[in-house]
Amino acid sequence: MSLPWLPSFFIFLLFLAIETSPIFAKVLSPKGEYDFKLEDAENAFKTWVAQKGNQRTKMLQTNIILNEKVYSDISEEDELYEYKRKMARELMQQQADAFHKGQQKIIG
């Protein structure tokens, strides 16, 4: 048994309206608390990724500068080399610790 064309079409439109109404309601509604929280979480993640990349670049630049200084001093004086090596190591450890703590604050 088959329905005539017009009632079938209206039933189809009814189901289409029922299925698509939540989408239209969401699109037409103003931003709510969830939308702001979601946007904040997305922005925090984007910032974290950018900060991580920037930190890697800065650490590489710092390592290059420190290595150039340390290796140039090797040829001049062993005592100065040992001192700078110790300071460079402490600085790199402090940078790594500060970066790690900063990342934990963003994530947690």
PDB file of N, CA and C in Angstrom:
ATOM      1  N   MET A   1       0.842  -1.161   0.000  1.00  0.00           N
ATOM      2  CA  MET A   1       0.000   0.000   0.000  1.00  0.00           C
ATOM      3  C   MET A   1       0.896   1.235   0.000  1.00  0.00           C
ATOM      4  N   SER A   2       0.559   2.182  -0.781  1.00  0.00           N
ATOM      5  CA  SER A   2       1.381   3.373  -0.957  1.00  0.00           C
ATOM      6  C   SER A   2       0.537   4.617  -0.725  1.00  0.00           C
ATOM      7  N   LEU A   3       1.156   5.601  -0.058  1.00  0.00           N
ATOM      8  CA  LEU A   3       0.468   6.872   0.174  1.00  0.00           C
ATOM      9  C   LEU A   3       0.552   7.725  -1.083  1.00  0.00           C
ATOM     10  N   PRO A   4      -0.406   8.583  -1.240  1.00  0.00           N
ATOM     11  CA  PRO A   4      -0.305   9.520  -2.372  1.00  0.00           C
ATOM     12  C   PRO A   4       0.916  10.428  -2.203  1.00  0.00           C
ATOM     13  N   TRP A   5       1.279  11.087  -3.258  1.00  0.00           N
ATOM     14  CA  TRP A   5       2.499  11.882  -3.297  1.00  0.00           C
ATOM     15  C   TRP A   5       2.493  13.025  -2.283  1.00  0.00           C
ATOM     16  N   LEU A   6       1.418  13.779  -2.180  1.00  0.00           N
ATOM     17  CA  LEU A   6       1.368  14.955  -1.320  1.00  0.00           C
ATOM     18  C   LEU A   6       1.496  14.607   0.173  1.00  0.00           C
ATOM     19  N   PRO A   7       0.751  13.640   0.720  1.00  0.00           N
ATOM     20  CA  PRO A   7       0.966  13.296   2.127  1.00  0.00           C
ATOM     21  C   PRO A   7       2.376  12.747   2.385  1.00  0.00           C
ATOM     22  N   SER A   8       2.925  11.987   1.478  1.00  0.00           N
ATOM     23  CA  SER A   8       4.295  11.469   1.632  1.00  0.00           C
ATOM     24  C   SER A   8       5.294  12.617   1.700  1.00  0.00           C
ATOM     25  N   PHE A   9       5.095  13.596   0.852  1.00  0.00           N
ATOM     26  CA  PHE A   9       5.990  14.748   0.834  1.00  0.00           C
ATOM     27  C   PHE A   9       5.908  15.528   2.144  1.00  0.00           C
ATOM     28  N   PHE A  10       4.696  15.716   2.687  1.00  0.00           N
ATOM     29  CA  PHE A  10       4.545  16.438   3.952  1.00  0.00           C
ATOM     30  C   PHE A  10       5.143  15.650   5.129  1.00  0.00           C
ATOM     31  N   ILE A  11       5.022  14.336   5.107  1.00  0.00           N
ATOM     32  CA  ILE A  11       5.649  13.515   6.149  1.00  0.00           C
ATOM     33  C   ILE A  11       7.172  13.648   6.065  1.00  0.00           C
ATOM     34  N   PHE A  12       7.673  13.637   4.823  1.00  0.00           N
ATOM     35  CA  PHE A  12       9.114  13.840   4.628  1.00  0.00           C
ATOM     36  C   PHE A  12       9.552  15.195   5.180  1.00  0.00           C
ATOM     37  N   LEU A  13       8.809  16.247   4.898  1.00  0.00           N
ATOM     38  CA  LEU A  13       9.140  17.586   5.402  1.00  0.00           C
ATOM     39  C   LEU A  13       9.067  17.649   6.920  1.00  0.00           C
ATOM     40  N   LEU A  14       8.103  16.939   7.506  1.00  0.00           N
ATOM     41  CA  LEU A  14       7.975  16.906   8.960  1.00  0.00           C
ATOM     42  C   LEU A  14       9.217  16.271   9.590  1.00  0.00           C
ATOM     43  N   PHE A  15       9.649  15.130   9.079  1.00  0.00           N
ATOM     44  CA  PHE A  15      10.855  14.487   9.595  1.00  0.00           C
ATOM     45  C   PHE A  15      12.100  15.342   9.368  1.00  0.00           C
ATOM     46  N   LEU A  16      12.164  15.984   8.230  1.00  0.00           N
ATOM     47  CA  LEU A  16      13.290  16.871   7.939  1.00  0.00           C
ATOM     48  C   LEU A  16      13.333  18.023   8.941  1.00  0.00           C
ATOM     49  N   ALA A  17      12.187  18.598   9.247  1.00  0.00           N
ATOM     50  CA  ALA A  17      12.130  19.704  10.211  1.00  0.00           C
ATOM     51  C   ALA A  17      12.511  19.232  11.610  1.00  0.00           C
ATOM     52  N   ILE A  18      12.057  18.055  11.992  1.00  0.00           N
ATOM     53  CA  ILE A  18      12.382  17.516  13.325  1.00  0.00           C
ATOM     54  C   ILE A  18      13.879  17.245  13.441  1.00  0.00           C
ATOM     55  N   GLU A  19      14.478  16.697  12.407  1.00  0.00           N
ATOM     56  CA  GLU A  19      15.897  16.352  12.455  1.00  0.00           C
ATOM     57  C   GLU A  19      16.808  17.570  12.384  1.00  0.00           C
ATOM     58  N   THR A  20      16.415  18.595  11.674  1.00  0.00           N
ATOM     59  CA  THR A  20      17.297  19.756  11.485  1.00  0.00           C
ATOM     60  C   THR A  20      17.019  20.894  12.457  1.00  0.00           C
ATOM     61  N   SER A  21      15.935  20.852  13.211  1.00  0.00           N
ATOM     62  CA  SER A  21      15.620  21.969  14.106  1.00  0.00           C
ATOM     63  C   SER A  21      16.680  22.208  15.183  1.00  0.00           C
ATOM     64  N   PRO A  22      17.308  21.186  15.799  1.00  0.00           N
ATOM     65  CA  PRO A  22      18.368  21.487  16.778  1.00  0.00           C
ATOM     66  C   PRO A  22      19.560  22.220  16.158  1.00  0.00           C
ATOM     67  N   ILE A  23      19.861  21.883  14.920  1.00  0.00           N
ATOM     68  CA  ILE A  23      20.987  22.544  14.249  1.00  0.00           C
ATOM     69  C   ILE A  23      20.660  24.011  14.024  1.00  0.00           C
ATOM     70  N   PHE A  24      19.473  24.284  13.504  1.00  0.00           N
ATOM     71  CA  PHE A  24      19.083  25.681  13.283  1.00  0.00           C
ATOM     72  C   PHE A  24      18.986  26.451  14.589  1.00  0.00           C
ATOM     73  N   ALA A  25      18.485  25.808  15.637  1.00  0.00           N
ATOM     74  CA  ALA A  25      18.382  26.477  16.934  1.00  0.00           C
ATOM     75  C   ALA A  25      19.772  26.851  17.457  1.00  0.00           C
ATOM     76  N   LYS A  26      20.742  25.958  17.289  1.00  0.00           N
ATOM     77  CA  LYS A  26      22.102  26.241  17.750  1.00  0.00           C
ATOM     78  C   LYS A  26      22.730  27.358  16.928  1.00  0.00           C
ATOM     79  N   VAL A  27      22.523  27.338  15.635  1.00  0.00           N
ATOM     80  CA  VAL A  27      23.103  28.361  14.767  1.00  0.00           C
ATOM     81  C   VAL A  27      22.503  29.731  15.061  1.00  0.00           C
ATOM     82  N   LEU A  28      21.223  29.786  15.329  1.00  0.00           N
ATOM     83  CA  LEU A  28      20.539  31.063  15.538  1.00  0.00           C
ATOM     84  C   LEU A  28      20.657  31.594  16.962  1.00  0.00           C
ATOM     85  N   SER A  29      21.000  30.742  17.919  1.00  0.00           N
ATOM     86  CA  SER A  29      21.057  31.187  19.309  1.00  0.00           C
ATOM     87  C   SER A  29      22.343  31.968  19.572  1.00  0.00           C
ATOM     88  N   PRO A  30      22.314  32.884  20.536  1.00  0.00           N
ATOM     89  CA  PRO A  30      23.541  33.618  20.881  1.00  0.00           C
ATOM     90  C   PRO A  30      24.526  32.694  21.590  1.00  0.00           C
ATOM     91  N   LYS A  31      25.771  33.132  21.653  1.00  0.00           N
ATOM     92  CA  LYS A  31      26.789  32.321  22.320  1.00  0.00           C
ATOM     93  C   LYS A  31      26.448  32.173  23.790  1.00  0.00           C
ATOM     94  N   GLY A  32      26.625  30.963  24.285  1.00  0.00           N
ATOM     95  CA  GLY A  32      26.334  30.680  25.684  1.00  0.00           C
ATOM     96  C   GLY A  32      27.597  30.371  26.458  1.00  0.00           C
ATOM     97  N   GLU A  33      27.412  29.952  27.698  1.00  0.00           N
ATOM     98  CA  GLU A  33      28.539  29.656  28.585  1.00  0.00           C
ATOM     99  C   GLU A  33      29.406  28.531  28.023  1.00  0.00           C
ATOM    100  N   TYR A  34      28.779  27.498  27.491  1.00  0.00           N
ATOM    101  CA  TYR A  34      29.525  26.376  26.921  1.00  0.00           C
ATOM    102  C   TYR A  34      30.394  26.841  25.752  1.00  0.00           C
ATOM    103  N   ASP A  35      29.827  27.693  24.897  1.00  0.00           N
ATOM    104  CA  ASP A  35      30.582  28.180  23.741  1.00  0.00           C
ATOM    105  C   ASP A  35      31.818  28.958  24.180  1.00  0.00           C
ATOM    106  N   PHE A  36      31.661  29.781  25.212  1.00  0.00           N
ATOM    107  CA  PHE A  36      32.802  30.555  25.701  1.00  0.00           C
ATOM    108  C   PHE A  36      33.846  29.647  26.345  1.00  0.00           C
ATOM    109  N   LYS A  37      33.404  28.644  27.085  1.00  0.00           N
ATOM    110  CA  LYS A  37      34.351  27.713  27.710  1.00  0.00           C
ATOM    111  C   LYS A  37      35.084  26.894  26.652  1.00  0.00           C
ATOM    112  N   LEU A  38      34.371  26.472  25.622  1.00  0.00           N
ATOM    113  CA  LEU A  38      34.990  25.717  24.538  1.00  0.00           C
ATOM    114  C   LEU A  38      36.015  26.576  23.804  1.00  0.00           C
ATOM    115  N   GLU A  39      35.650  27.805  23.507  1.00  0.00           N
ATOM    116  CA  GLU A  39      36.569  28.724  22.837  1.00  0.00           C
ATOM    117  C   GLU A  39      37.806  28.972  23.702  1.00  0.00           C
ATOM    118  N   ASP A  40      37.604  29.129  25.011  1.00  0.00           N
ATOM    119  CA  ASP A  40      38.717  29.342  25.921  1.00  0.00           C
ATOM    120  C   ASP A  40      39.652  28.131  25.934  1.00  0.00           C
ATOM    121  N   ALA A  41      39.076  26.937  25.967  1.00  0.00           N
ATOM    122  CA  ALA A  41      39.897  25.717  25.968  1.00  0.00           C
ATOM    123  C   ALA A  41      40.679  25.590  24.659  1.00  0.00           C
ATOM    124  N   GLU A  42      40.044  25.902  23.532  1.00  0.00           N
ATOM    125  CA  GLU A  42      40.730  25.828  22.248  1.00  0.00           C
ATOM    126  C   GLU A  42      41.856  26.849  22.175  1.00  0.00           C
ATOM    127  N   ASN A  43      41.595  28.058  22.653  1.00  0.00           N
ATOM    128  CA  ASN A  43      42.623  29.097  22.637  1.00  0.00           C
ATOM    129  C   ASN A  43      43.784  28.739  23.561  1.00  0.00           C
ATOM    130  N   ALA A  44      43.476  28.144  24.712  1.00  0.00           N
ATOM    131  CA  ALA A  44      44.536  27.736  25.641  1.00  0.00           C
ATOM    132  C   ALA A  44      45.427  26.677  24.996  1.00  0.00           C
ATOM    133  N   PHE A  45      44.822  25.747  24.274  1.00  0.00           N
ATOM    134  CA  PHE A  45      45.607  24.708  23.612  1.00  0.00           C
ATOM    135  C   PHE A  45      46.456  25.296  22.497  1.00  0.00           C
ATOM    136  N   LYS A  46      45.877  26.198  21.698  1.00  0.00           N
ATOM    137  CA  LYS A  46      46.647  26.842  20.629  1.00  0.00           C
ATOM    138  C   LYS A  46      47.821  27.629  21.217  1.00  0.00           C
ATOM    139  N   THR A  47      47.571  28.321  22.312  1.00  0.00           N
ATOM    140  CA  THR A  47      48.625  29.085  22.963  1.00  0.00           C
ATOM    141  C   THR A  47      49.707  28.163  23.489  1.00  0.00           C
ATOM    142  N   TRP A  48      49.311  27.051  24.081  1.00  0.00           N
ATOM    143  CA  TRP A  48      50.268  26.082  24.598  1.00  0.00           C
ATOM    144  C   TRP A  48      51.161  25.545  23.481  1.00  0.00           C
ATOM    145  N   VAL A  49      50.561  25.219  22.329  1.00  0.00           N
ATOM    146  CA  VAL A  49      51.343  24.692  21.205  1.00  0.00           C
ATOM    147  C   VAL A  49      52.306  25.755  20.686  1.00  0.00           C
ATOM    148  N   ALA A  50      51.812  27.001  20.548  1.00  0.00           N
ATOM    149  CA  ALA A  50      52.676  28.082  20.074  1.00  0.00           C
ATOM    150  C   ALA A  50      53.805  28.345  21.061  1.00  0.00           C
ATOM    151  N   GLN A  51      53.492  28.311  22.342  1.00  0.00           N
ATOM    152  CA  GLN A  51      54.504  28.548  23.372  1.00  0.00           C
ATOM    153  C   GLN A  51      55.554  27.441  23.354  1.00  0.00           C
ATOM    154  N   LYS A  52      55.108  26.229  23.165  1.00  0.00           N
ATOM    155  CA  LYS A  52      56.037  25.099  23.119  1.00  0.00           C
ATOM    156  C   LYS A  52      57.000  25.246  21.939  1.00  0.00           C
ATOM    157  N   GLY A  53      56.484  25.611  20.776  1.00  0.00           N
ATOM    158  CA  GLY A  53      57.338  25.823  19.610  1.00  0.00           C
ATOM    159  C   GLY A  53      58.293  26.986  19.815  1.00  0.00           C
ATOM    160  N   ASN A  54      57.781  28.070  20.386  1.00  0.00           N
ATOM    161  CA  ASN A  54      58.614  29.231  20.656  1.00  0.00           C
ATOM    162  C   ASN A  54      59.710  28.881  21.662  1.00  0.00           C
ATOM    163  N   GLN A  55      59.360  28.104  22.675  1.00  0.00           N
ATOM    164  CA  GLN A  55      60.341  27.698  23.688  1.00  0.00           C
ATOM    165  C   GLN A  55      61.445  26.862  23.064  1.00  0.00           C
ATOM    166  N   ARG A  56      61.081  25.964  22.156  1.00  0.00           N
ATOM    167  CA  ARG A  56      62.094  25.150  21.483  1.00  0.00           C
ATOM    168  C   ARG A  56      63.054  26.037  20.684  1.00  0.00           C
ATOM    169  N   THR A  57      62.504  27.020  19.983  1.00  0.00           N
ATOM    170  CA  THR A  57      63.333  27.926  19.196  1.00  0.00           C
ATOM    171  C   THR A  57      64.279  28.714  20.092  1.00  0.00           C
ATOM    172  N   LYS A  58      63.752  29.232  21.186  1.00  0.00           N
ATOM    173  CA  LYS A  58      64.576  30.003  22.110  1.00  0.00           C
ATOM    174  C   LYS A  58      65.658  29.136  22.744  1.00  0.00           C
ATOM    175  N   MET A  59      65.305  27.904  23.106  1.00  0.00           N
ATOM    176  CA  MET A  59      66.299  27.008  23.701  1.00  0.00           C
ATOM    177  C   MET A  59      67.398  26.682  22.691  1.00  0.00           C
ATOM    178  N   LEU A  60      67.025  26.479  21.425  1.00  0.00           N
ATOM    179  CA  LEU A  60      68.024  26.208  20.396  1.00  0.00           C
ATOM    180  C   LEU A  60      68.951  27.402  20.223  1.00  0.00           C
ATOM    181  N   GLN A  61      68.375  28.613  20.138  1.00  0.00           N
ATOM    182  CA  GLN A  61      69.200  29.812  20.010  1.00  0.00           C
ATOM    183  C   GLN A  61      70.130  29.970  21.208  1.00  0.00           C
ATOM    184  N   THR A  62      69.603  29.728  22.396  1.00  0.00           N
ATOM    185  CA  THR A  62      70.420  29.829  23.606  1.00  0.00           C
ATOM    186  C   THR A  62      71.537  28.797  23.600  1.00  0.00           C
ATOM    187  N   ASN A  63      71.209  27.584  23.201  1.00  0.00           N
ATOM    188  CA  ASN A  63      72.236  26.537  23.144  1.00  0.00           C
ATOM    189  C   ASN A  63      73.322  26.874  22.140  1.00  0.00           C
ATOM    190  N   ILE A  64      72.947  27.416  20.995  1.00  0.00           N
ATOM    191  CA  ILE A  64      73.937  27.790  19.985  1.00  0.00           C
ATOM    192  C   ILE A  64      74.859  28.877  20.520  1.00  0.00           C
ATOM    193  N   ILE A  65      74.281  29.898  21.137  1.00  0.00           N
ATOM    194  CA  ILE A  65      75.084  30.991  21.695  1.00  0.00           C
ATOM    195  C   ILE A  65      76.015  30.479  22.791  1.00  0.00           C
ATOM    196  N   LEU A  66      75.453  29.674  23.699  1.00  0.00           N
ATOM    197  CA  LEU A  66      76.275  29.146  24.791  1.00  0.00           C
ATOM    198  C   LEU A  66      77.387  28.244  24.272  1.00  0.00           C
ATOM    199  N   ASN A  67      77.070  27.408  23.283  1.00  0.00           N
ATOM    200  CA  ASN A  67      78.098  26.518  22.732  1.00  0.00           C
ATOM    201  C   ASN A  67      79.215  27.314  22.063  1.00  0.00           C
ATOM    202  N   GLU A  68      78.859  28.357  21.341  1.00  0.00           N
ATOM    203  CA  GLU A  68      79.889  29.186  20.708  1.00  0.00           C
ATOM    204  C   GLU A  68      80.793  29.819  21.757  1.00  0.00           C
ATOM    205  N   LYS A  69      80.194  30.315  22.823  1.00  0.00           N
ATOM    206  CA  LYS A  69      80.995  30.931  23.889  1.00  0.00           C
ATOM    207  C   LYS A  69      81.891  29.903  24.574  1.00  0.00           C
ATOM    208  N   VAL A  70      81.302  28.761  24.909  1.00  0.00           N
ATOM    209  CA  VAL A  70      82.073  27.739  25.617  1.00  0.00           C
ATOM    210  C   VAL A  70      83.219  27.233  24.750  1.00  0.00           C
ATOM    211  N   TYR A  71      82.970  26.956  23.482  1.00  0.00           N
ATOM    212  CA  TYR A  71      84.017  26.406  22.628  1.00  0.00           C
ATOM    213  C   TYR A  71      85.098  27.432  22.308  1.00  0.00           C
ATOM    214  N   SER A  72      84.732  28.687  22.250  1.00  0.00           N
ATOM    215  CA  SER A  72      85.781  29.691  22.029  1.00  0.00           C
ATOM    216  C   SER A  72      86.651  29.841  23.265  1.00  0.00           C
ATOM    217  N   ASP A  73      86.057  29.649  24.430  1.00  0.00           N
ATOM    218  CA  ASP A  73      86.820  29.763  25.673  1.00  0.00           C
ATOM    219  C   ASP A  73      87.691  28.538  25.943  1.00  0.00           C
ATOM    220  N   ILE A  74      87.364  27.418  25.341  1.00  0.00           N
ATOM    221  CA  ILE A  74      88.184  26.215  25.541  1.00  0.00           C
ATOM    222  C   ILE A  74      89.617  26.486  25.130  1.00  0.00           C
ATOM    223  N   SER A  75      89.760  27.167  24.021  1.00  0.00           N
ATOM    224  CA  SER A  75      91.105  27.409  23.517  1.00  0.00           C
ATOM    225  C   SER A  75      91.874  28.404  24.378  1.00  0.00           C
ATOM    226  N   GLU A  76      91.154  29.188  25.175  1.00  0.00           N
ATOM    227  CA  GLU A  76      91.820  30.214  25.974  1.00  0.00           C
ATOM    228  C   GLU A  76      92.177  29.732  27.380  1.00  0.00           C
ATOM    229  N   GLU A  77      91.199  29.152  28.081  1.00  0.00           N
ATOM    230  CA  GLU A  77      91.457  28.856  29.479  1.00  0.00           C
ATOM    231  C   GLU A  77      90.544  27.730  29.953  1.00  0.00           C
ATOM    232  N   ASP A  78      91.139  26.707  30.538  1.00  0.00           N
ATOM    233  CA  ASP A  78      90.359  25.570  31.013  1.00  0.00           C
ATOM    234  C   ASP A  78      89.513  25.912  32.230  1.00  0.00           C
ATOM    235  N   GLU A  79      90.024  26.733  33.134  1.00  0.00           N
ATOM    236  CA  GLU A  79      89.270  27.095  34.334  1.00  0.00           C
ATOM    237  C   GLU A  79      88.007  27.891  33.962  1.00  0.00           C
ATOM    238  N   LEU A  80      88.149  28.815  33.045  1.00  0.00           N
ATOM    239  CA  LEU A  80      87.002  29.598  32.581  1.00  0.00           C
ATOM    240  C   LEU A  80      85.993  28.697  31.861  1.00  0.00           C
ATOM    241  N   TYR A  81      86.517  27.761  31.101  1.00  0.00           N
ATOM    242  CA  TYR A  81      85.649  26.809  30.407  1.00  0.00           C
ATOM    243  C   TYR A  81      84.811  26.012  31.407  1.00  0.00           C
ATOM    244  N   GLU A  82      85.443  25.499  32.430  1.00  0.00           N
ATOM    245  CA  GLU A  82      84.714  24.715  33.427  1.00  0.00           C
ATOM    246  C   GLU A  82      83.645  25.555  34.125  1.00  0.00           C
ATOM    247  N   TYR A  83      83.988  26.788  34.445  1.00  0.00           N
ATOM    248  CA  TYR A  83      83.016  27.679  35.098  1.00  0.00           C
ATOM    249  C   TYR A  83      81.827  27.949  34.178  1.00  0.00           C
ATOM    250  N   LYS A  84      82.101  28.285  32.935  1.00  0.00           N
ATOM    251  CA  LYS A  84      81.007  28.570  31.992  1.00  0.00           C
ATOM    252  C   LYS A  84      80.178  27.323  31.701  1.00  0.00           C
ATOM    253  N   ARG A  85      80.845  26.211  31.626  1.00  0.00           N
ATOM    254  CA  ARG A  85      80.110  24.971  31.398  1.00  0.00           C
ATOM    255  C   ARG A  85      79.149  24.701  32.552  1.00  0.00           C
ATOM    256  N   LYS A  86      79.629  24.916  33.770  1.00  0.00           N
ATOM    257  CA  LYS A  86      78.785  24.728  34.947  1.00  0.00           C
ATOM    258  C   LYS A  86      77.610  25.710  34.921  1.00  0.00           C
ATOM    259  N   MET A  87      77.879  26.971  34.613  1.00  0.00           N
ATOM    260  CA  MET A  87      76.821  27.989  34.567  1.00  0.00           C
ATOM    261  C   MET A  87      75.820  27.697  33.449  1.00  0.00           C
ATOM    262  N   ALA A  88      76.338  27.275  32.306  1.00  0.00           N
ATOM    263  CA  ALA A  88      75.454  26.942  31.182  1.00  0.00           C
ATOM    264  C   ALA A  88      74.546  25.772  31.537  1.00  0.00           C
ATOM    265  N   ARG A  89      75.091  24.794  32.210  1.00  0.00           N
ATOM    266  CA  ARG A  89      74.304  23.636  32.626  1.00  0.00           C
ATOM    267  C   ARG A  89      73.203  24.052  33.609  1.00  0.00           C
ATOM    268  N   GLU A  90      73.576  24.879  34.584  1.00  0.00           N
ATOM    269  CA  GLU A  90      72.581  25.356  35.547  1.00  0.00           C
ATOM    270  C   GLU A  90      71.493  26.171  34.857  1.00  0.00           C
ATOM    271  N   LEU A  91      71.911  27.027  33.921  1.00  0.00           N
ATOM    272  CA  LEU A  91      70.948  27.840  33.190  1.00  0.00           C
ATOM    273  C   LEU A  91      69.991  26.971  32.375  1.00  0.00           C
ATOM    274  N   MET A  92      70.527  25.981  31.700  1.00  0.00           N
ATOM    275  CA  MET A  92      69.681  25.092  30.905  1.00  0.00           C
ATOM    276  C   MET A  92      68.728  24.289  31.790  1.00  0.00           C
ATOM    277  N   GLN A  93      69.206  23.868  32.954  1.00  0.00           N
ATOM    278  CA  GLN A  93      68.331  23.142  33.876  1.00  0.00           C
ATOM    279  C   GLN A  93      67.222  24.049  34.394  1.00  0.00           C
ATOM    280  N   GLN A  94      67.576  25.289  34.718  1.00  0.00           N
ATOM    281  CA  GLN A  94      66.564  26.237  35.185  1.00  0.00           C
ATOM    282  C   GLN A  94      65.551  26.543  34.089  1.00  0.00           C
ATOM    283  N   GLN A  95      66.019  26.689  32.848  1.00  0.00           N
ATOM    284  CA  GLN A  95      65.107  26.919  31.731  1.00  0.00           C
ATOM    285  C   GLN A  95      64.164  25.737  31.540  1.00  0.00           C
ATOM    286  N   ALA A  96      64.718  24.546  31.609  1.00  0.00           N
ATOM    287  CA  ALA A  96      63.889  23.354  31.440  1.00  0.00           C
ATOM    288  C   ALA A  96      62.867  23.240  32.572  1.00  0.00           C
ATOM    289  N   ASP A  97      63.292  23.520  33.798  1.00  0.00           N
ATOM    290  CA  ASP A  97      62.368  23.473  34.930  1.00  0.00           C
ATOM    291  C   ASP A  97      61.268  24.523  34.800  1.00  0.00           C
ATOM    292  N   ALA A  98      61.643  25.743  34.426  1.00  0.00           N
ATOM    293  CA  ALA A  98      60.658  26.818  34.269  1.00  0.00           C
ATOM    294  C   ALA A  98      59.691  26.499  33.137  1.00  0.00           C
ATOM    295  N   PHE A  99      60.194  25.968  32.046  1.00  0.00           N
ATOM    296  CA  PHE A  99      59.330  25.593  30.926  1.00  0.00           C
ATOM    297  C   PHE A  99      58.364  24.488  31.343  1.00  0.00           C
ATOM    298  N   HIS A 100      58.878  23.505  32.076  1.00  0.00           N
ATOM    299  CA  HIS A 100      58.036  22.392  32.533  1.00  0.00           C
ATOM    300  C   HIS A 100      56.934  22.891  33.469  1.00  0.00           C
ATOM    301  N   LYS A 101      57.295  23.756  34.401  1.00  0.00           N
ATOM    302  CA  LYS A 101      56.302  24.303  35.329  1.00  0.00           C
ATOM    303  C   LYS A 101      55.255  25.122  34.580  1.00  0.00           C
ATOM    304  N   GLY A 102      55.671  25.907  33.610  1.00  0.00           N
ATOM    305  CA  GLY A 102      54.739  26.695  32.808  1.00  0.00           C
ATOM    306  C   GLY A 102      53.776  25.816  32.038  1.00  0.00           C
ATOM    307  N   GLN A 103      54.275  24.718  31.484  1.00  0.00           N
ATOM    308  CA  GLN A 103      53.417  23.805  30.744  1.00  0.00           C
ATOM    309  C   GLN A 103      52.411  23.119  31.666  1.00  0.00           C
ATOM    310  N   GLN A 104      52.848  22.786  32.887  1.00  0.00           N
ATOM    311  CA  GLN A 104      51.947  22.144  33.838  1.00  0.00           C
ATOM    312  C   GLN A 104      50.822  23.102  34.224  1.00  0.00           C
ATOM    313  N   LYS A 105      51.130  24.395  34.356  1.00  0.00           N
ATOM    314  CA  LYS A 105      50.104  25.367  34.696  1.00  0.00           C
ATOM    315  C   LYS A 105      49.065  25.479  33.591  1.00  0.00           C
ATOM    316  N   ILE A 106      49.517  25.440  32.341  1.00  0.00           N
ATOM    317  CA  ILE A 106      48.597  25.550  31.210  1.00  0.00           C
ATOM    318  C   ILE A 106      47.716  24.315  31.119  1.00  0.00           C
ATOM    319  N   ILE A 107      48.335  23.158  31.252  1.00  0.00           N
ATOM    320  CA  ILE A 107      47.585  21.898  31.106  1.00  0.00           C
ATOM    321  C   ILE A 107      46.687  21.665  32.308  1.00  0.00           C
ATOM    322  N   GLY A 108      47.180  21.895  33.494  1.00  0.00           N
ATOM    323  CA  GLY A 108      46.441  21.560  34.719  1.00  0.00           C
ATOM    324  C   GLY A 108      45.614  22.694  35.125  1.00  0.00           C
TER     325      GLY A 108
END
